[in-house]
Protein backbone atom coordinates (compact mmCIF):
# COMPACT_ATOMS: atom_id res chain seq x y z
CA UNK A 1 -8.84 -55.72 -9.62
CA UNK A 2 -7.97 -53.05 -7.12
CA UNK A 3 -6.81 -54.02 -3.68
CA UNK A 4 -8.58 -52.77 -0.58
CA UNK A 5 -5.71 -50.36 0.22
CA UNK A 6 -5.87 -48.84 -3.26
CA UNK A 7 -9.64 -48.51 -3.01
CA UNK A 8 -9.32 -46.82 0.37
CA UNK A 9 -6.68 -44.42 -0.98
CA UNK A 10 -8.83 -43.50 -3.98
CA UNK A 11 -11.85 -43.00 -1.74
CA UNK A 12 -9.82 -40.82 0.62
CA UNK A 13 -8.57 -38.73 -2.31
CA UNK A 14 -12.10 -38.42 -3.66
CA UNK A 15 -13.47 -37.35 -0.28
CA UNK A 16 -10.67 -34.82 0.16
CA UNK A 17 -11.28 -33.26 -3.24
CA UNK A 18 -15.00 -33.19 -2.55
CA UNK A 19 -14.40 -31.47 0.78
CA UNK A 20 -12.21 -28.76 -0.80
CA UNK A 21 -14.28 -28.47 -4.01
CA UNK A 22 -17.85 -29.42 -3.02
CA UNK A 23 -19.44 -27.96 -6.16
CA UNK A 24 -18.72 -26.51 -9.60
CA UNK A 25 -18.76 -22.93 -8.31
CA UNK A 26 -15.85 -23.68 -5.97
CA UNK A 27 -13.89 -25.19 -8.86
CA UNK A 28 -14.64 -22.12 -11.01
CA UNK A 29 -13.45 -19.78 -8.24
CA UNK A 30 -10.27 -21.80 -7.77
CA UNK A 31 -9.54 -21.67 -11.52
CA UNK A 32 -10.10 -17.91 -11.60
CA UNK A 33 -7.73 -17.36 -8.68
CA UNK A 34 -5.04 -19.62 -10.14
CA UNK A 35 -5.26 -18.05 -13.61
CA UNK A 36 -5.22 -14.56 -12.11
CA UNK A 37 -2.14 -15.38 -10.03
CA UNK A 38 -0.17 -16.75 -12.99
CA UNK A 39 -1.30 -13.89 -15.23
CA UNK A 40 -0.06 -11.28 -12.76
CA UNK A 41 3.21 -13.02 -11.89
CA UNK A 42 4.19 -14.07 -15.41
CA UNK A 43 3.15 -10.93 -17.29
CA UNK A 44 3.67 -8.25 -14.62
CA UNK A 45 6.68 -6.71 -16.36
CA UNK A 46 4.97 -6.56 -19.76
CA UNK A 47 1.50 -5.53 -18.60
CA UNK A 48 2.46 -3.28 -15.69
CA UNK A 49 0.98 -0.15 -17.38
CA UNK A 50 -2.30 -2.04 -17.78
CA UNK A 51 -2.31 -3.13 -14.13
CA UNK A 52 -1.58 0.43 -12.97
CA UNK A 53 -4.34 1.80 -15.20
CA UNK A 54 -6.81 -0.78 -13.83
CA UNK A 55 -6.01 0.25 -10.25
CA UNK A 56 -6.36 3.96 -11.08
CA UNK A 57 -9.61 3.39 -12.96
CA UNK A 58 -10.94 1.45 -9.97
CA UNK A 59 -10.03 4.39 -7.71
CA UNK A 60 -11.75 6.90 -9.99
CA UNK A 61 -14.87 4.79 -10.51
CA UNK A 62 -16.28 5.88 -7.15
CA UNK A 63 -16.03 9.54 -8.17
CA UNK A 64 -17.57 8.77 -11.55
CA UNK A 65 -20.57 7.14 -9.86
CA UNK A 66 -21.09 10.20 -7.66
CA UNK A 67 -21.02 12.56 -10.63
CA UNK A 68 -23.15 10.09 -12.60
CA UNK A 69 -26.01 10.73 -10.18
CA UNK A 70 -26.44 14.15 -11.78
CA UNK A 71 -25.03 13.66 -15.29
CA UNK A 72 -24.88 10.90 -17.91
CA UNK A 73 -21.98 8.45 -17.80
CA UNK A 74 -19.85 9.99 -20.56
CA UNK A 75 -19.81 13.60 -19.24
CA UNK A 76 -19.18 12.25 -15.74
CA UNK A 77 -16.19 10.27 -16.99
CA UNK A 78 -14.68 13.29 -18.75
CA UNK A 79 -15.16 15.55 -15.72
CA UNK A 80 -13.49 13.08 -13.36
CA UNK A 81 -10.74 12.29 -15.87
CA UNK A 82 -10.01 16.01 -16.35
CA UNK A 83 -9.68 16.43 -12.60
CA UNK A 84 -7.43 13.37 -12.45
CA UNK A 85 -5.16 14.73 -15.18
CA UNK A 86 -4.94 18.10 -13.39
CA UNK A 87 -3.86 16.42 -10.16
CA UNK A 88 -1.53 14.08 -12.06
CA UNK A 89 0.10 17.02 -13.84
CA UNK A 90 0.61 18.90 -10.57
CA UNK A 91 2.19 15.85 -8.92
CA UNK A 92 4.40 15.19 -11.93
CA UNK A 93 5.55 18.72 -12.77
CA UNK A 94 5.05 20.54 -9.47
CA UNK A 95 5.40 18.22 -6.48
CA UNK A 96 7.86 15.62 -7.77
CA UNK A 97 10.62 18.11 -8.75
CA UNK A 98 10.49 19.62 -5.24
CA UNK A 99 10.52 16.18 -3.63
CA UNK A 100 13.49 14.96 -5.69
CA UNK A 101 15.38 18.20 -5.10
CA UNK A 102 14.92 17.96 -1.35
CA UNK A 103 15.67 14.23 -1.43
CA UNK A 104 19.05 14.85 -3.09
CA UNK A 105 19.80 17.59 -0.58
CA UNK A 106 18.84 15.31 2.30
CA UNK A 107 20.99 12.47 0.98
CA UNK A 108 23.91 14.86 0.60
CA UNK A 109 23.61 15.82 4.28
CA UNK A 110 22.89 12.28 5.50
CA UNK A 111 26.42 11.80 6.96
CA UNK A 112 26.12 15.07 8.93
CA UNK A 113 22.62 14.16 10.13
CA UNK A 114 23.82 10.75 11.26
CA UNK A 115 26.75 12.29 13.13
CA UNK A 116 24.45 14.78 14.85
CA UNK A 117 22.09 11.99 15.82
CA UNK A 118 25.02 9.91 17.03
CA UNK A 119 26.42 12.76 19.14
CA UNK A 120 23.01 13.35 20.71
CA UNK A 121 22.52 9.66 21.48
CA UNK A 122 25.97 9.34 23.08
CA UNK A 123 24.85 11.78 25.75
CA UNK A 124 22.21 9.32 26.97
CA UNK A 125 24.59 7.12 29.03
CA UNK A 126 25.63 10.20 31.02
CA UNK A 127 22.01 11.02 31.82
CA UNK A 128 20.76 7.43 32.22
CA UNK A 129 23.76 5.22 33.07
CA UNK A 130 21.56 2.54 34.61
CA UNK A 131 19.66 1.96 31.35
CA UNK A 132 22.37 1.81 28.71
CA UNK A 133 26.17 1.66 28.65
CA UNK A 134 28.38 3.87 26.50
CA UNK A 135 30.15 0.94 24.79
CA UNK A 136 26.94 -0.76 23.69
CA UNK A 137 25.53 2.52 22.45
CA UNK A 138 28.71 3.23 20.45
CA UNK A 139 28.47 -0.16 18.77
CA UNK A 140 24.81 0.45 17.96
CA UNK A 141 25.51 3.92 16.58
CA UNK A 142 28.32 2.58 14.39
CA UNK A 143 25.98 0.01 12.84
CA UNK A 144 23.26 2.63 12.30
CA UNK A 145 25.77 5.02 10.75
CA UNK A 146 27.05 2.43 8.29
CA UNK A 147 23.55 1.35 7.28
CA UNK A 148 22.38 4.94 6.86
CA UNK A 149 25.38 5.85 4.73
CA UNK A 150 24.96 2.76 2.56
CA UNK A 151 21.25 3.41 2.17
CA UNK A 152 21.85 7.05 1.30
CA UNK A 153 24.46 6.11 -1.30
CA UNK A 154 22.07 3.61 -2.87
CA UNK A 155 19.33 6.23 -3.05
CA UNK A 156 21.71 8.75 -4.58
CA UNK A 157 22.86 6.24 -7.20
CA UNK A 158 19.28 5.24 -7.90
CA UNK A 159 18.12 8.82 -8.31
CA UNK A 160 21.11 9.67 -10.50
CA UNK A 161 20.66 6.73 -12.84
CA UNK A 162 16.84 6.94 -12.67
CA UNK A 163 14.55 4.06 -11.90
CA UNK A 164 13.52 3.44 -15.49
CA UNK A 165 14.82 4.46 -18.87
CA UNK A 166 13.44 7.56 -20.53
CA UNK A 167 11.53 5.45 -23.06
CA UNK A 168 9.81 3.48 -20.28
CA UNK A 169 8.85 6.70 -18.49
CA UNK A 170 7.35 8.14 -21.66
CA UNK A 171 5.43 4.91 -22.28
CA UNK A 172 3.97 5.03 -18.78
CA UNK A 173 3.11 8.74 -18.99
CA UNK A 174 1.29 8.29 -22.30
CA UNK A 175 -0.25 4.83 -22.03
CA UNK A 176 -1.51 4.89 -18.44
CA UNK A 177 -3.77 7.99 -18.75
CA UNK A 178 -5.09 6.75 -22.11
CA UNK A 179 -5.88 3.33 -20.66
CA UNK A 180 -7.56 4.91 -17.62
CA UNK A 181 -9.83 6.95 -19.90
CA UNK A 182 -10.86 3.91 -21.95
CA UNK A 183 -11.37 1.74 -18.85
CA UNK A 184 -13.74 4.35 -17.43
CA UNK A 185 -15.52 5.23 -20.68
CA UNK A 186 -15.98 1.66 -21.97
CA UNK A 187 -16.36 -0.09 -18.61
CA UNK A 188 -19.47 -2.10 -19.52
CA UNK A 189 -18.09 -3.14 -22.92
CA UNK A 190 -14.83 -4.35 -21.40
CA UNK A 191 -16.58 -6.16 -18.55
CA UNK A 192 -18.91 -7.91 -21.00
CA UNK A 193 -15.90 -8.98 -23.08
CA UNK A 194 -13.96 -10.12 -20.02
CA UNK A 195 -16.82 -12.14 -18.55
CA UNK A 196 -17.02 -14.04 -21.84
CA UNK A 197 -13.84 -15.85 -20.76
CA UNK A 198 -15.18 -16.65 -17.29
CA UNK A 199 -16.88 -19.94 -16.30
CA UNK A 200 -20.67 -19.87 -16.60
CA UNK A 201 -21.22 -21.22 -13.11
CA UNK A 202 -19.56 -18.31 -11.30
CA UNK A 203 -22.10 -17.21 -8.68
CA UNK A 204 -19.62 -17.91 -5.87
CA UNK A 205 -16.94 -15.85 -7.65
CA UNK A 206 -19.39 -12.97 -8.09
CA UNK A 207 -20.29 -13.07 -4.40
CA UNK A 208 -16.61 -13.02 -3.41
CA UNK A 209 -15.94 -10.10 -5.74
CA UNK A 210 -18.93 -8.13 -4.40
CA UNK A 211 -17.63 -8.49 -0.84
CA UNK A 212 -14.08 -7.60 -1.84
CA UNK A 213 -15.31 -4.66 -3.95
CA UNK A 214 -17.35 -3.21 -1.08
CA UNK A 215 -14.65 -3.53 1.57
CA UNK A 216 -11.78 -2.66 -0.75
CA UNK A 217 -13.55 0.44 -2.06
CA UNK A 218 -14.08 1.72 1.48
CA UNK A 219 -10.48 0.96 2.38
CA UNK A 220 -8.92 2.65 -0.66
CA UNK A 221 -11.08 5.77 -0.37
CA UNK A 222 -10.23 6.02 3.32
CA UNK A 223 -6.53 5.39 2.75
CA UNK A 224 -6.26 8.01 -0.01
CA UNK A 225 -8.02 10.55 2.21
CA UNK A 226 -5.69 9.68 5.09
CA UNK A 227 -2.59 10.11 2.89
CA UNK A 228 -3.73 13.54 1.68
CA UNK A 229 -4.86 14.82 5.09
CA UNK A 230 -1.80 13.58 6.96
CA UNK A 231 0.59 14.89 4.31
CA UNK A 232 -1.10 18.30 4.19
CA UNK A 233 -1.19 18.62 7.99
CA UNK A 234 2.47 17.60 8.25
CA UNK A 235 3.57 20.08 5.57
CA UNK A 236 1.68 22.98 7.17
CA UNK A 237 3.12 22.12 10.59
CA UNK A 238 6.72 21.65 9.43
CA UNK A 239 6.65 24.74 7.18
CA UNK A 240 5.20 26.97 9.90
CA UNK A 241 7.91 25.80 12.32
CA UNK A 242 10.65 26.50 9.76
CA UNK A 243 11.81 22.91 9.40
CA UNK A 244 14.05 21.94 6.52
CA UNK A 245 12.81 19.50 3.85
CA UNK A 246 9.18 20.20 4.80
CA UNK A 247 7.77 18.98 1.47
CA UNK A 248 9.84 15.79 1.45
CA UNK A 249 9.05 14.91 5.07
CA UNK A 250 5.35 15.64 4.50
CA UNK A 251 5.37 13.20 1.55
CA UNK A 252 7.09 10.63 3.78
CA UNK A 253 4.42 11.19 6.44
CA UNK A 254 1.59 10.74 3.96
CA UNK A 255 3.04 7.63 2.33
CA UNK A 256 3.90 6.07 5.70
CA UNK A 257 0.24 5.22 6.34
CA UNK A 258 0.22 2.90 3.31
CA UNK A 259 2.20 0.37 5.38
CA UNK A 260 0.28 0.01 8.66
CA UNK A 261 2.28 0.06 11.93
CA UNK A 262 5.64 -0.23 10.12
CA UNK A 263 5.42 3.02 8.16
CA UNK A 264 4.78 5.22 11.20
CA UNK A 265 7.85 3.77 12.89
CA UNK A 266 10.13 4.20 9.90
CA UNK A 267 9.16 7.83 9.21
CA UNK A 268 10.06 8.81 12.79
CA UNK A 269 13.79 8.51 12.11
CA UNK A 270 14.07 11.04 9.23
CA UNK A 271 11.74 13.53 10.94
CA UNK A 272 13.57 13.52 14.27
CA UNK A 273 16.96 13.15 12.57
CA UNK A 274 16.42 16.32 10.52
CA UNK A 275 15.19 18.18 13.61
CA UNK A 276 18.27 17.13 15.62
CA UNK A 277 20.60 18.15 12.77
CA UNK A 278 18.86 21.50 12.33
CA UNK A 279 18.42 22.57 15.97
CA UNK A 280 20.10 20.06 18.27
CA UNK A 281 18.63 17.52 20.67
CA UNK A 282 18.21 19.81 23.66
CA UNK A 283 16.78 22.82 21.83
CA UNK A 284 13.28 24.14 22.28
CA UNK A 285 12.64 23.86 18.53
CA UNK A 286 13.40 20.14 18.58
CA UNK A 287 10.99 19.63 21.48
CA UNK A 288 8.28 21.55 19.63
CA UNK A 289 8.81 19.40 16.52
CA UNK A 290 8.73 16.19 18.58
CA UNK A 291 5.52 17.28 20.31
CA UNK A 292 3.88 18.36 17.03
CA UNK A 293 4.90 15.10 15.36
CA UNK A 294 3.48 13.08 18.27
CA UNK A 295 0.21 15.04 18.12
CA UNK A 296 -0.12 14.45 14.37
CA UNK A 297 0.45 10.71 14.80
CA UNK A 298 -2.00 10.60 17.73
CA UNK A 299 -4.71 12.43 15.76
CA UNK A 300 -4.15 10.04 12.85
CA UNK A 301 -4.52 6.97 15.06
CA UNK A 302 -7.29 8.19 17.35
CA UNK A 303 -9.40 10.39 15.04
CA UNK A 304 -8.66 9.84 11.34
CA UNK A 305 -8.41 6.04 11.29
CA UNK A 306 -11.70 5.38 13.17
CA UNK A 307 -13.47 8.11 11.17
CA UNK A 308 -12.26 7.07 7.72
CA UNK A 309 -12.24 3.30 8.19
CA UNK A 310 -15.44 2.73 10.16
CA UNK A 311 -16.82 0.77 7.19
CA UNK A 312 -13.53 -0.49 5.81
CA UNK A 313 -11.95 -3.91 6.01
CA UNK A 314 -12.15 -5.60 9.38
CA UNK A 315 -8.76 -7.28 9.71
CA UNK A 316 -6.96 -8.02 12.94
CA UNK A 317 -3.58 -6.33 13.48
CA UNK A 318 -1.85 -9.73 13.50
CA UNK A 319 -3.45 -10.60 10.14
CA UNK A 320 -2.26 -7.28 8.66
CA UNK A 321 1.33 -7.80 9.85
CA UNK A 322 1.38 -11.38 8.54
CA UNK A 323 0.00 -10.18 5.19
CA UNK A 324 2.72 -7.51 4.95
CA UNK A 325 5.46 -10.04 5.70
CA UNK A 326 4.03 -12.74 3.42
CA UNK A 327 3.15 -10.72 0.34
CA UNK A 328 6.18 -8.46 0.79
CA UNK A 329 8.40 -11.52 0.78
CA UNK A 330 6.79 -12.72 -2.47
CA UNK A 331 6.44 -9.49 -4.46
CA UNK A 332 8.67 -7.00 -2.65
CA UNK A 333 7.44 -3.38 -2.53
CA UNK A 334 4.27 -4.05 -4.50
CA UNK A 335 3.46 -6.95 -2.21
CA UNK A 336 3.71 -4.61 0.79
CA UNK A 337 1.71 -1.93 -1.05
CA UNK A 338 -1.15 -4.31 -1.86
CA UNK A 339 -0.87 -6.42 1.31
CA UNK A 340 -4.20 -5.34 2.81
CA UNK A 341 -6.21 -5.63 -0.45
CA UNK A 342 -4.74 -9.11 -0.97
CA UNK A 343 -5.50 -10.03 2.64
CA UNK A 344 -9.07 -8.81 2.07
CA UNK A 345 -9.34 -11.09 -0.96
CA UNK A 346 -8.05 -14.07 1.03
CA UNK A 347 -10.50 -13.35 3.84
CA UNK A 348 -13.43 -13.04 1.42
CA UNK A 349 -12.52 -16.33 -0.30
CA UNK A 350 -12.22 -18.17 3.03
CA UNK A 351 -15.50 -16.73 4.29
CA UNK A 352 -17.46 -17.50 1.11
CA UNK A 353 -15.87 -20.86 0.27
CA UNK A 354 -18.55 -23.57 0.37
CA UNK A 355 -18.04 -26.37 2.85
CA UNK A 356 -19.27 -29.91 2.59
CA UNK A 357 -20.58 -29.78 6.15
CA UNK A 358 -22.72 -26.76 5.31
CA UNK A 359 -24.06 -28.57 2.26
CA UNK A 360 -24.94 -31.67 4.29
CA UNK A 361 -26.57 -29.49 6.94
CA UNK A 362 -28.63 -27.84 4.21
CA UNK A 363 -29.84 -31.21 2.97
CA UNK A 364 -30.76 -32.30 6.52
CA UNK A 365 -32.95 -29.27 7.15
């Protein structure tokens, strides 16, 4: 016989489980999320080309649907895939060599750039002695110099030894485009096969995915457009003003928007550092670069973001920062890269998760 305390504990456990999992659909969604998490974390190294191909196919699916309005599915897929391969080839054989060449050159001159920046900053106590002292600024500059030199050395070593072996690079370059083509061409076949492993009672999971798909699609399309527009505008501006490393800094500017709030702050240092090294802090050219850079960032924040993301994910700034810190701490760079999509998934699950109170209210109606 069970004692009253044991009965109360069992009843409490039963009520708690019922509150968190009020029906079979909630249990199915929880199992899908748990299995997906362990699949990604345990097999990420082995299946990384597959994950990358899935993300790229998801990005291209929107273009395929637009072309599919005028053509059958198969021709639409081949047209979009051909365009993708043309862009991919340009990035791989045209843009990347220029970026890596300028990156090596920038790393080589990093000590000189840091010294120029340090010399310019040490003039601030003379102009504003009431705001900052020379000793404190010297200590700060020494720390920044050491960190910049260490970071530059790490980048140089990384670029010299390459991120991956040649075999891994070849595997990615061959497998990823092939997988993208098959994911686009055989989308319905693969989805039908994949859903065969899903629970039958998955209406809640489908609803969550529909919400995530709608918001995530808007976000990714807007973010890709923002990266291209901001990078192109930055390159045209820097090149017209005769700034060194224009291609590299434009790539930095475009990629900086991937990490909200943090990226715009981080990219300021290389842009202004190169300008100080090239022209000096008090020069007219430096002021023009600083003004142009500020205008580009202002247009991005005031015009591009509201225009491109009017229908995108509605996440508070605090939620975005917490997502970056949380997922970045778990998965590093990729956690930061996918912080907003993951935060969107969490928000959709929380919003759609059935509650026992809602169920009781439904019965009382």
